[in-house]
Amino acid sequence: MGGTAADGCITVSHAAMGHSGRLTLDELRDLVGGGAIETVVVGFTDHYGRLLGKRYDADMFVDETAAHGTHGCNYLITTDMEMEPVPGYRFANWQQGYGDFHLLPDLSTLVLASWLEKTALVLCDVDDEAGRRVPIAPRSLLRTQLEQTRALGFEAYAASELEYYIFQHTYRQAAELDYRGLQPAGWYLEDYHILQGTRTESFHAKVRRHLKASGVPVETSKGEWGLGQHEINVRFAEALQMADRHVIYKQCVKEVAEQIGLSVTFMAKFAADRAGSSCHIHFSLWRDGQNAFAGDEDLGPVKCSEWFRWFLGGWLAHVPDVMVFYAPTVNSYKRYVDASWAPTRLAWSYDNRTAAFRVVGRGPSLRIECRVPGADCNPYLAFAAALASGLDGIRNRIEPPACFTGDMYAARDLPRVPRGLEEATDRFASSEFAARAFGGQVVEHYAHFFRTEQAAFLKAVTDWERRRYYERI
């Protein structure tokens, strides 16, 4: 049924699972009974997109947890990056004693975590003790927008293109060096270079193999426009499934790097003189098994449906209102630099990489690529923001501006993306659209979260300040 691969991770035959990577509970029970699976990771993401949770003994999981779920401290969706309790939240605080919430495994996400020895993984929804969805949990936000999508008669499909940098240091070594002087995996810009990509192929081949074996079908991997920068693209899927794939992909990349003595970063901007790392997201709406964006209307260089036109109009119009869900950290905004492949102005174009919104494909493949989100985004929040914006466009028939042609970086008359987290948070907190789309409770909660992040940065003393002022002030 299973064996141990050369790299120490479990191998399970496709016949044992019935299909590649994804598991039914009965299949998992058989694998546990045969000794092929001993551990189940039960996880969910916090606001940063980090995978949190517990490792369960596999027998305990199949006997009890799969049906009844488990608990986690409710401070986990109020904590900061350092896992410190943060005051000021209504949802959880010291006055209420930091109780529990309920983690309910979504068994449709149950997969073999083939990069870990004898391990499966399942993602959870976050519920309260009465079994109601916790509205501020990231996966809850996306579920709510998908319900709205279906209420309009559509299904949403998405893809995310996630970029990262690889360094020739372990995570511990990088921390001991205070993240200074790290040696990138490449020493020249390798965008699409096969030769330079070969030098990291031992890592990327492992990741591609493990993702495929773990229910995340891979399309390609390639070098990007940065020293040691790469991306792996996985196949598009229904939007919730795609967000789940994104989470598994990111966890797999980090943990395989750990296993072989490398480190990776998904920071939006690792260094001022290097390209930022993006998370371009693609969306299309489908109805009756067909791409509802396809149509015969002329919209500049593309033929489309009215649904496409209005979805594009709404998505573009509401970027400032929900920018915090695309760019959630202080570092996120360092990425928006002219002539850097990151968008700086809000407009759309056809197959134009200077645009914030790049329309690609034709007919059944027609879709919208938003190039605004960085690699540091939480996919559930970014997808929820995109859907809420586009659906508002459909409901209110929001027309997009005319298609832009040429170099958008040079277009000084176009509106800019927000310039920083403080500006973006203020816009989100006061946005009537955000309150209408997500509810006042969600807006208040996340505004506090982003303001806490901004406040932490304002108290920090940076290397830039020391270099600039130590001697010469």
Protein backbone atom coordinates (compact mmCIF):
# COMPACT_ATOMS: atom_id res chain seq x y z
CA MET A 1 0.00 0.00 0.00
CA GLY A 2 2.77 2.43 0.90
CA GLY A 3 6.50 2.73 1.34
CA THR A 4 9.19 5.19 2.25
CA ALA A 5 10.68 7.31 -0.54
CA ALA A 6 14.36 8.14 -0.79
CA ASP A 7 13.80 11.52 0.86
CA GLY A 8 12.13 9.92 3.87
CA CYS A 9 8.55 10.87 3.00
CA ILE A 10 5.72 8.43 2.59
CA THR A 11 4.66 7.14 -0.80
CA VAL A 12 1.15 5.82 -1.24
CA SER A 13 -0.02 4.22 -4.45
CA HIS A 14 -2.72 5.92 -6.49
CA ALA A 15 -4.66 2.68 -6.42
CA ALA A 16 -4.70 2.81 -2.62
CA MET A 17 -6.19 6.31 -2.73
CA GLY A 18 -8.43 5.90 -5.75
CA HIS A 19 -7.18 9.23 -7.19
CA SER A 20 -4.12 11.41 -6.96
CA GLY A 21 -3.50 13.06 -3.63
CA ARG A 22 -7.04 13.72 -2.42
CA LEU A 23 -8.47 11.26 0.08
CA THR A 24 -11.91 10.21 1.19
CA LEU A 25 -12.35 9.42 4.85
CA ASP A 26 -12.74 5.72 4.01
CA GLU A 27 -9.49 5.80 2.03
CA LEU A 28 -7.74 7.52 4.91
CA ARG A 29 -9.12 4.94 7.34
CA ASP A 30 -7.69 2.13 5.19
CA LEU A 31 -4.29 3.86 5.00
CA VAL A 32 -4.26 4.37 8.75
CA GLY A 33 -5.20 0.74 9.35
CA GLY A 34 -2.35 -0.38 7.10
CA GLY A 35 0.21 1.85 8.82
CA ALA A 36 0.77 4.13 5.82
CA ILE A 37 -0.60 7.21 7.61
CA GLU A 38 0.15 7.93 11.27
CA THR A 39 -0.44 11.70 11.57
CA VAL A 40 -3.12 14.12 10.35
CA VAL A 41 -2.42 17.86 10.28
CA VAL A 42 -5.65 19.70 11.14
CA GLY A 43 -5.23 23.33 10.13
CA PHE A 44 -6.71 26.72 9.27
CA THR A 45 -5.19 30.07 8.36
CA ASP A 46 -4.92 33.12 10.55
CA HIS A 47 -5.23 36.64 9.10
CA TYR A 48 -1.64 36.53 7.83
CA GLY A 49 -2.39 33.34 5.90
CA ARG A 50 -0.21 31.16 8.14
CA LEU A 51 -1.32 27.57 8.62
CA LEU A 52 -2.14 27.01 12.30
CA GLY A 53 -3.62 23.98 14.02
CA LYS A 54 -2.71 20.62 15.52
CA ARG A 55 -1.17 17.31 14.56
CA TYR A 56 -3.50 14.44 15.38
CA ASP A 57 -2.75 10.82 15.88
CA ALA A 58 -4.33 9.34 12.77
CA ASP A 59 -6.45 6.79 14.67
CA MET A 60 -7.84 9.57 16.86
CA PHE A 61 -8.63 11.63 13.77
CA VAL A 62 -10.57 8.93 11.92
CA ASP A 63 -12.34 7.73 15.08
CA GLU A 64 -13.35 11.11 16.53
CA THR A 65 -12.02 14.34 15.04
CA ALA A 66 -13.21 13.84 11.46
CA ALA A 67 -16.81 13.81 12.65
CA HIS A 68 -16.73 16.18 15.59
CA GLY A 69 -13.87 18.56 14.92
CA THR A 70 -11.56 20.06 17.50
CA HIS A 71 -10.94 23.30 19.35
CA GLY A 72 -8.48 26.15 19.22
CA CYS A 73 -7.99 29.25 21.34
CA ASN A 74 -9.94 32.13 19.83
CA TYR A 75 -6.99 34.49 20.27
CA LEU A 76 -5.50 32.87 17.15
CA ILE A 77 -7.50 35.21 14.91
CA THR A 78 -6.56 38.26 16.95
CA THR A 79 -2.85 37.63 17.47
CA ASP A 80 -0.01 39.55 15.87
CA MET A 81 2.91 38.07 13.93
CA GLU A 82 4.75 37.33 17.19
CA MET A 83 1.74 35.42 18.60
CA GLU A 84 1.18 38.10 21.24
CA PRO A 85 -2.39 38.72 22.43
CA VAL A 86 -3.53 42.10 21.10
CA PRO A 87 -6.03 44.23 23.06
CA GLY A 88 -8.88 46.09 21.41
CA TYR A 89 -10.76 43.28 19.65
CA ARG A 90 -14.41 42.58 20.39
CA PHE A 91 -14.13 38.97 19.20
CA ALA A 92 -11.58 37.81 21.78
CA ASN A 93 -9.83 39.57 24.65
CA TRP A 94 -8.56 39.18 28.20
CA GLN A 95 -11.88 40.39 29.64
CA GLN A 96 -13.68 37.48 27.96
CA GLY A 97 -10.97 35.05 29.03
CA TYR A 98 -9.84 33.94 25.55
CA GLY A 99 -12.08 30.93 25.13
CA ASP A 100 -12.26 28.40 22.31
CA PHE A 101 -13.64 28.29 18.82
CA HIS A 102 -14.49 25.13 16.94
CA LEU A 103 -12.41 23.83 14.05
CA LEU A 104 -14.55 21.72 11.74
CA PRO A 105 -12.56 19.70 9.17
CA ASP A 106 -13.74 20.17 5.59
CA LEU A 107 -13.25 16.61 4.42
CA SER A 108 -13.26 17.71 0.78
CA THR A 109 -9.79 19.16 1.52
CA LEU A 110 -8.37 15.94 2.97
CA VAL A 111 -5.11 15.17 1.16
CA LEU A 112 -1.93 13.20 1.50
CA ALA A 113 0.86 15.55 2.67
CA SER A 114 3.42 13.54 0.77
CA TRP A 115 6.35 15.79 1.74
CA LEU A 116 5.84 14.76 5.39
CA GLU A 117 6.37 11.23 6.60
CA LYS A 118 3.16 9.20 6.95
CA THR A 119 1.04 12.34 7.11
CA ALA A 120 -2.29 13.57 5.77
CA LEU A 121 -3.63 17.15 5.97
CA VAL A 122 -7.10 18.64 6.22
CA LEU A 123 -8.24 22.28 6.27
CA CYS A 124 -10.94 23.52 8.60
CA ASP A 125 -13.73 26.03 8.82
CA VAL A 126 -13.86 28.10 12.01
CA ASP A 127 -17.19 27.92 13.86
CA ASP A 128 -18.42 29.15 17.20
CA GLU A 129 -19.55 26.74 19.89
CA ALA A 130 -23.12 26.88 18.54
CA GLY A 131 -21.92 25.63 15.15
CA ARG A 132 -22.26 28.99 13.40
CA ARG A 133 -19.60 30.19 11.02
CA VAL A 134 -17.25 32.74 12.61
CA PRO A 135 -17.65 35.63 10.15
CA ILE A 136 -14.20 37.14 10.69
CA ALA A 137 -12.30 33.93 9.87
CA PRO A 138 -10.63 34.25 6.44
CA ARG A 139 -12.21 31.09 4.98
CA SER A 140 -15.60 32.28 6.24
CA LEU A 141 -15.26 35.54 4.30
CA LEU A 142 -14.65 33.66 1.07
CA ARG A 143 -17.48 31.20 1.73
CA THR A 144 -19.88 34.11 2.20
CA GLN A 145 -18.88 35.70 -1.11
CA LEU A 146 -19.23 32.37 -2.89
CA GLU A 147 -22.76 32.06 -1.53
CA GLN A 148 -23.45 35.51 -2.99
CA THR A 149 -21.94 34.36 -6.29
CA ARG A 150 -24.21 31.33 -6.44
CA ALA A 151 -27.23 33.48 -5.52
CA LEU A 152 -26.60 35.40 -8.75
CA GLY A 153 -26.50 32.13 -10.69
CA PHE A 154 -22.72 31.85 -11.15
CA GLU A 155 -19.83 29.67 -10.07
CA ALA A 156 -16.45 31.36 -9.52
CA TYR A 157 -13.19 29.91 -10.79
CA ALA A 158 -9.80 31.28 -9.86
CA ALA A 159 -6.06 30.78 -10.02
CA SER A 160 -3.20 32.38 -8.11
CA GLU A 161 0.37 32.79 -9.36
CA LEU A 162 2.58 32.81 -6.29
CA GLU A 163 6.23 34.00 -6.43
CA TYR A 164 9.02 33.61 -3.89
CA TYR A 165 12.78 33.97 -3.41
CA ILE A 166 15.08 31.05 -2.56
CA PHE A 167 18.22 31.48 -0.42
CA GLN A 168 21.17 29.17 0.23
CA HIS A 169 20.66 29.33 4.00
CA THR A 170 18.38 27.49 6.37
CA TYR A 171 15.69 29.49 8.11
CA ARG A 172 17.67 29.34 11.35
CA GLN A 173 20.86 30.50 9.64
CA ALA A 174 18.96 33.37 8.00
CA ALA A 175 17.58 34.42 11.40
CA GLU A 176 21.04 34.23 13.02
CA LEU A 177 22.36 36.49 10.24
CA ASP A 178 19.52 38.91 11.01
CA TYR A 179 18.44 38.35 7.37
CA ARG A 180 21.49 40.29 6.11
CA GLY A 181 23.87 39.13 3.41
CA LEU A 182 21.77 36.15 2.37
CA GLN A 183 23.00 34.33 -0.73
CA PRO A 184 20.24 33.95 -3.33
CA ALA A 185 19.88 30.70 -5.22
CA GLY A 186 20.70 32.49 -8.50
CA TRP A 187 23.32 35.06 -9.39
CA TYR A 188 21.77 36.61 -12.49
CA LEU A 189 18.25 37.42 -13.59
CA GLU A 190 16.86 34.13 -14.78
CA ASP A 191 13.35 34.87 -16.01
CA TYR A 192 12.47 31.81 -18.14
CA HIS A 193 16.17 30.68 -18.22
CA ILE A 194 16.25 26.89 -18.32
CA LEU A 195 19.97 26.64 -17.45
CA GLN A 196 19.76 28.75 -14.30
CA GLY A 197 16.51 27.04 -13.39
CA THR A 198 18.29 23.70 -13.56
CA ARG A 199 20.38 24.75 -10.56
CA THR A 200 17.29 24.72 -8.33
CA GLU A 201 15.59 21.82 -10.07
CA SER A 202 16.41 19.38 -7.26
CA PHE A 203 14.22 21.58 -5.03
CA HIS A 204 11.50 22.38 -7.55
CA ALA A 205 11.19 18.81 -8.79
CA LYS A 206 10.53 17.70 -5.20
CA VAL A 207 7.93 20.42 -4.72
CA ARG A 208 6.16 19.66 -8.00
CA ARG A 209 6.13 15.95 -7.23
CA HIS A 210 4.84 16.44 -3.69
CA LEU A 211 2.14 18.90 -4.75
CA LYS A 212 0.89 16.56 -7.46
CA ALA A 213 0.87 13.65 -5.00
CA SER A 214 -0.97 15.83 -2.50
CA GLY A 215 -3.94 16.80 -4.62
CA VAL A 216 -2.55 20.06 -6.03
CA PRO A 217 -2.10 19.63 -9.80
CA VAL A 218 0.91 21.55 -11.11
CA GLU A 219 1.23 23.23 -14.49
CA THR A 220 4.75 24.70 -14.57
CA SER A 221 7.66 26.10 -12.60
CA LYS A 222 10.04 28.78 -13.84
CA GLY A 223 12.62 31.35 -12.88
CA GLU A 224 11.35 34.88 -12.32
CA TRP A 225 12.74 38.40 -12.70
CA GLY A 226 14.84 38.41 -9.56
CA LEU A 227 18.01 36.79 -8.20
CA GLY A 228 16.80 33.41 -7.01
CA GLN A 229 13.14 34.28 -7.62
CA HIS A 230 10.79 31.56 -8.87
CA GLU A 231 7.16 30.61 -9.20
CA ILE A 232 5.20 27.39 -9.48
CA ASN A 233 1.82 27.59 -11.18
CA VAL A 234 -0.97 25.19 -10.27
CA ARG A 235 -4.15 24.57 -12.22
CA PHE A 236 -7.15 26.81 -11.79
CA ALA A 237 -10.12 25.52 -9.80
CA GLU A 238 -13.34 26.55 -8.12
CA ALA A 239 -12.40 29.55 -6.00
CA LEU A 240 -12.54 27.96 -2.53
CA GLN A 241 -10.64 24.92 -3.75
CA MET A 242 -8.06 27.21 -5.37
CA ALA A 243 -7.54 29.15 -2.14
CA ASP A 244 -7.07 25.83 -0.34
CA ARG A 245 -4.54 24.77 -2.99
CA HIS A 246 -2.69 28.04 -2.47
CA VAL A 247 -2.38 27.36 1.27
CA ILE A 248 -1.12 23.79 0.72
CA TYR A 249 1.32 24.96 -2.00
CA LYS A 250 2.83 27.62 0.25
CA GLN A 251 3.19 25.22 3.18
CA CYS A 252 4.75 22.56 0.98
CA VAL A 253 7.31 25.00 -0.50
CA LYS A 254 8.38 26.19 2.94
CA GLU A 255 8.63 22.74 4.47
CA VAL A 256 10.50 21.15 1.56
CA ALA A 257 12.97 24.06 1.71
CA GLU A 258 13.42 23.36 5.42
CA GLN A 259 14.08 19.69 4.73
CA ILE A 260 16.90 20.31 2.25
CA GLY A 261 18.63 23.21 3.99
CA LEU A 262 17.26 26.16 2.03
CA SER A 263 14.89 28.97 2.93
CA VAL A 264 12.27 30.82 0.92
CA THR A 265 10.48 34.10 1.49
CA PHE A 266 7.05 35.19 0.30
CA MET A 267 7.65 38.81 1.34
CA ALA A 268 6.16 41.19 -1.19
CA LYS A 269 9.45 43.11 -1.37
CA PHE A 270 12.52 41.39 0.02
CA ALA A 271 15.00 44.09 -1.01
CA ALA A 272 14.68 47.57 -2.48
CA ASP A 273 16.88 46.73 -5.47
CA ARG A 274 15.06 43.52 -6.40
CA ALA A 275 11.74 42.75 -8.00
CA GLY A 276 8.81 42.23 -5.69
CA SER A 277 7.01 38.92 -5.35
CA SER A 278 3.43 38.96 -6.54
CA CYS A 279 0.34 36.83 -6.31
CA HIS A 280 -1.44 37.57 -9.59
CA ILE A 281 -4.99 36.27 -9.30
CA HIS A 282 -7.21 35.20 -12.20
CA PHE A 283 -11.01 35.07 -12.07
CA SER A 284 -13.83 33.99 -14.32
CA LEU A 285 -17.50 33.35 -13.63
CA TRP A 286 -19.23 30.28 -15.03
CA ARG A 287 -22.87 29.40 -15.64
CA ASP A 288 -24.27 26.07 -16.84
CA GLY A 289 -20.77 24.72 -17.38
CA GLN A 290 -19.74 27.60 -19.63
CA ASN A 291 -17.54 30.63 -19.10
CA ALA A 292 -20.04 33.45 -18.53
CA PHE A 293 -17.39 36.06 -19.42
CA ALA A 294 -17.40 34.98 -23.07
CA GLY A 295 -19.75 36.90 -25.37
CA ASP A 296 -20.19 39.05 -28.45
CA GLU A 297 -20.04 42.55 -26.97
CA ASP A 298 -17.14 44.70 -28.16
CA LEU A 299 -15.06 46.10 -25.32
CA GLY A 300 -12.06 47.57 -27.10
CA PRO A 301 -9.72 44.70 -27.96
CA VAL A 302 -11.90 41.96 -26.50
CA LYS A 303 -15.32 40.43 -27.14
CA CYS A 304 -17.12 39.64 -23.93
CA SER A 305 -20.43 39.37 -22.10
CA GLU A 306 -22.06 42.09 -20.06
CA TRP A 307 -21.20 40.05 -16.97
CA PHE A 308 -17.52 40.35 -17.79
CA ARG A 309 -17.80 44.08 -18.38
CA TRP A 310 -19.56 44.80 -15.10
CA PHE A 311 -17.39 42.40 -13.06
CA LEU A 312 -14.29 44.14 -14.41
CA GLY A 313 -15.81 47.54 -13.69
CA GLY A 314 -16.63 46.66 -10.09
CA TRP A 315 -13.34 44.89 -9.39
CA LEU A 316 -11.35 47.85 -10.66
CA ALA A 317 -13.50 50.51 -8.98
CA HIS A 318 -13.25 48.97 -5.51
CA VAL A 319 -9.51 48.26 -5.30
CA PRO A 320 -8.91 51.22 -2.92
CA ASP A 321 -11.74 50.05 -0.63
CA VAL A 322 -10.27 46.57 -0.14
CA MET A 323 -6.58 47.17 -0.81
CA VAL A 324 -5.70 45.83 2.65
CA PHE A 325 -6.81 42.36 1.54
CA TYR A 326 -4.41 42.47 -1.42
CA ALA A 327 -1.54 44.22 0.38
CA PRO A 328 -1.80 43.36 4.10
CA THR A 329 1.58 44.44 5.52
CA VAL A 330 3.76 47.54 5.67
CA ASN A 331 6.18 45.77 3.37
CA SER A 332 3.45 45.11 0.76
CA TYR A 333 3.47 48.71 -0.45
CA LYS A 334 7.23 48.75 -1.14
CA ARG A 335 6.47 46.53 -4.14
CA TYR A 336 4.52 49.19 -6.10
CA VAL A 337 7.42 50.74 -8.01
CA ASP A 338 7.28 51.98 -11.61
CA ALA A 339 8.93 49.74 -14.23
CA SER A 340 9.23 46.88 -11.73
CA TRP A 341 6.49 44.55 -13.11
CA ALA A 342 4.24 45.55 -10.20
CA PRO A 343 1.27 47.82 -10.99
CA THR A 344 1.29 51.40 -9.75
CA ARG A 345 -1.83 52.75 -11.50
CA LEU A 346 -5.40 51.51 -11.64
CA ALA A 347 -6.63 50.73 -15.13
CA TRP A 348 -7.11 47.73 -17.38
CA SER A 349 -5.60 46.62 -20.64
CA TYR A 350 -5.44 43.54 -22.83
CA ASP A 351 -2.32 41.38 -22.34
CA ASN A 352 -0.34 44.30 -20.93
CA ARG A 353 1.94 43.63 -17.95
CA THR A 354 2.12 47.29 -16.96
CA ALA A 355 -1.59 47.18 -16.09
CA ALA A 356 -3.16 46.56 -12.69
CA PHE A 357 -5.82 44.52 -14.52
CA ARG A 358 -4.58 42.46 -17.45
CA VAL A 359 -7.32 40.83 -19.48
CA VAL A 360 -6.16 37.58 -21.08
CA GLY A 361 -7.64 34.81 -23.19
CA ARG A 362 -10.51 34.86 -25.63
CA GLY A 363 -13.85 33.10 -25.83
CA PRO A 364 -14.04 30.21 -23.34
CA SER A 365 -10.62 31.11 -21.86
CA LEU A 366 -11.43 34.80 -21.28
CA ARG A 367 -10.51 35.87 -17.75
CA ILE A 368 -9.29 38.82 -15.70
CA GLU A 369 -5.85 38.84 -14.13
CA CYS A 370 -5.41 41.25 -11.23
CA ARG A 371 -1.74 42.04 -10.70
CA VAL A 372 -2.24 44.06 -7.50
CA PRO A 373 -1.90 41.38 -4.77
CA GLY A 374 1.52 40.52 -3.41
CA ALA A 375 2.83 37.11 -2.43
CA ASP A 376 2.14 38.01 1.21
CA CYS A 377 -1.65 38.08 0.76
CA ASN A 378 -4.01 35.65 2.44
CA PRO A 379 -5.74 33.93 -0.53
CA TYR A 380 -9.11 33.66 1.20
CA LEU A 381 -9.17 37.40 1.87
CA ALA A 382 -7.84 38.38 -1.56
CA PHE A 383 -10.35 36.14 -3.34
CA ALA A 384 -13.19 37.40 -1.13
CA ALA A 385 -12.25 41.01 -1.94
CA ALA A 386 -12.12 40.28 -5.67
CA LEU A 387 -15.49 38.54 -5.68
CA ALA A 388 -17.23 41.13 -3.53
CA SER A 389 -15.97 43.88 -5.85
CA GLY A 390 -16.88 42.11 -9.07
CA LEU A 391 -20.31 41.05 -7.85
CA ASP A 392 -21.04 44.63 -6.82
CA GLY A 393 -20.13 45.60 -10.36
CA ILE A 394 -22.68 43.14 -11.72
CA ARG A 395 -25.42 44.19 -9.32
CA ASN A 396 -24.90 47.89 -10.02
CA ARG A 397 -23.79 47.58 -13.65
CA ILE A 398 -20.53 49.41 -13.03
CA GLU A 399 -18.88 50.21 -16.34
CA PRO A 400 -15.10 49.90 -16.60
CA PRO A 401 -13.07 52.79 -18.03
CA ALA A 402 -11.85 52.55 -21.60
CA CYS A 403 -9.10 50.04 -22.29
CA PHE A 404 -5.67 51.58 -21.76
CA THR A 405 -2.94 50.95 -24.32
CA GLY A 406 0.75 51.61 -23.88
CA ASP A 407 3.00 52.02 -20.86
CA MET A 408 0.79 52.48 -17.82
CA TYR A 409 3.78 53.48 -15.68
CA ALA A 410 4.07 56.65 -17.77
CA ALA A 411 0.37 57.53 -17.51
CA ARG A 412 0.42 60.28 -14.90
CA ASP A 413 -3.32 60.99 -15.15
CA LEU A 414 -4.43 57.54 -13.93
CA PRO A 415 -5.33 56.92 -10.28
CA ARG A 416 -2.55 55.30 -8.26
CA VAL A 417 -2.73 52.30 -5.97
CA PRO A 418 -2.77 53.34 -2.29
CA ARG A 419 0.71 54.33 -1.14
CA GLY A 420 0.83 52.65 2.26
CA LEU A 421 -0.92 50.47 4.81
CA GLU A 422 -2.13 53.41 6.88
CA GLU A 423 -3.83 55.04 3.87
CA ALA A 424 -5.33 51.74 2.76
CA THR A 425 -6.62 50.91 6.25
CA ASP A 426 -8.27 54.31 6.64
CA ARG A 427 -10.03 53.84 3.30
CA PHE A 428 -11.16 50.32 4.26
CA ALA A 429 -12.41 51.43 7.68
CA SER A 430 -14.53 54.23 6.22
CA SER A 431 -15.69 52.41 3.09
CA GLU A 432 -19.44 52.06 2.68
CA PHE A 433 -18.78 49.35 0.12
CA ALA A 434 -16.63 47.28 2.50
CA ALA A 435 -19.25 47.58 5.26
CA ARG A 436 -21.97 46.52 2.84
CA ALA A 437 -19.96 43.64 1.36
CA PHE A 438 -18.47 42.15 4.54
CA GLY A 439 -20.44 43.64 7.42
CA GLY A 440 -19.48 46.16 10.07
CA GLN A 441 -18.11 43.49 12.43
CA VAL A 442 -15.61 42.29 9.83
CA VAL A 443 -14.53 45.80 8.86
CA GLU A 444 -14.00 46.84 12.50
CA HIS A 445 -12.03 43.67 13.27
CA TYR A 446 -9.71 43.83 10.28
CA ALA A 447 -9.19 47.59 10.53
CA HIS A 448 -7.91 47.00 14.06
CA PHE A 449 -5.70 44.17 12.80
CA PHE A 450 -4.09 46.32 10.10
CA ARG A 451 -3.70 49.31 12.41
CA THR A 452 -1.93 47.07 14.91
CA GLU A 453 0.48 46.02 12.18
CA GLN A 454 1.09 49.65 11.19
CA ALA A 455 1.66 50.66 14.82
CA ALA A 456 4.26 47.92 15.29
CA PHE A 457 6.21 49.27 12.32
CA LEU A 458 6.06 52.87 13.54
CA LYS A 459 7.84 51.83 16.75
CA ALA A 460 10.62 49.98 14.89
CA VAL A 461 14.07 51.38 14.13
CA THR A 462 15.18 50.21 10.70
CA ASP A 463 18.54 49.53 9.05
CA TRP A 464 17.76 52.40 6.67
CA GLU A 465 17.55 54.82 9.60
CA ARG A 466 20.83 53.64 11.10
CA ARG A 467 22.65 53.89 7.79
CA ARG A 468 21.23 57.34 7.10
CA TYR A 469 21.49 59.00 10.52
CA TYR A 470 24.11 57.18 12.67
CA GLU A 471 27.01 59.42 11.68
CA ARG A 472 25.64 62.19 9.53
CA ILE A 473 22.79 63.65 11.52
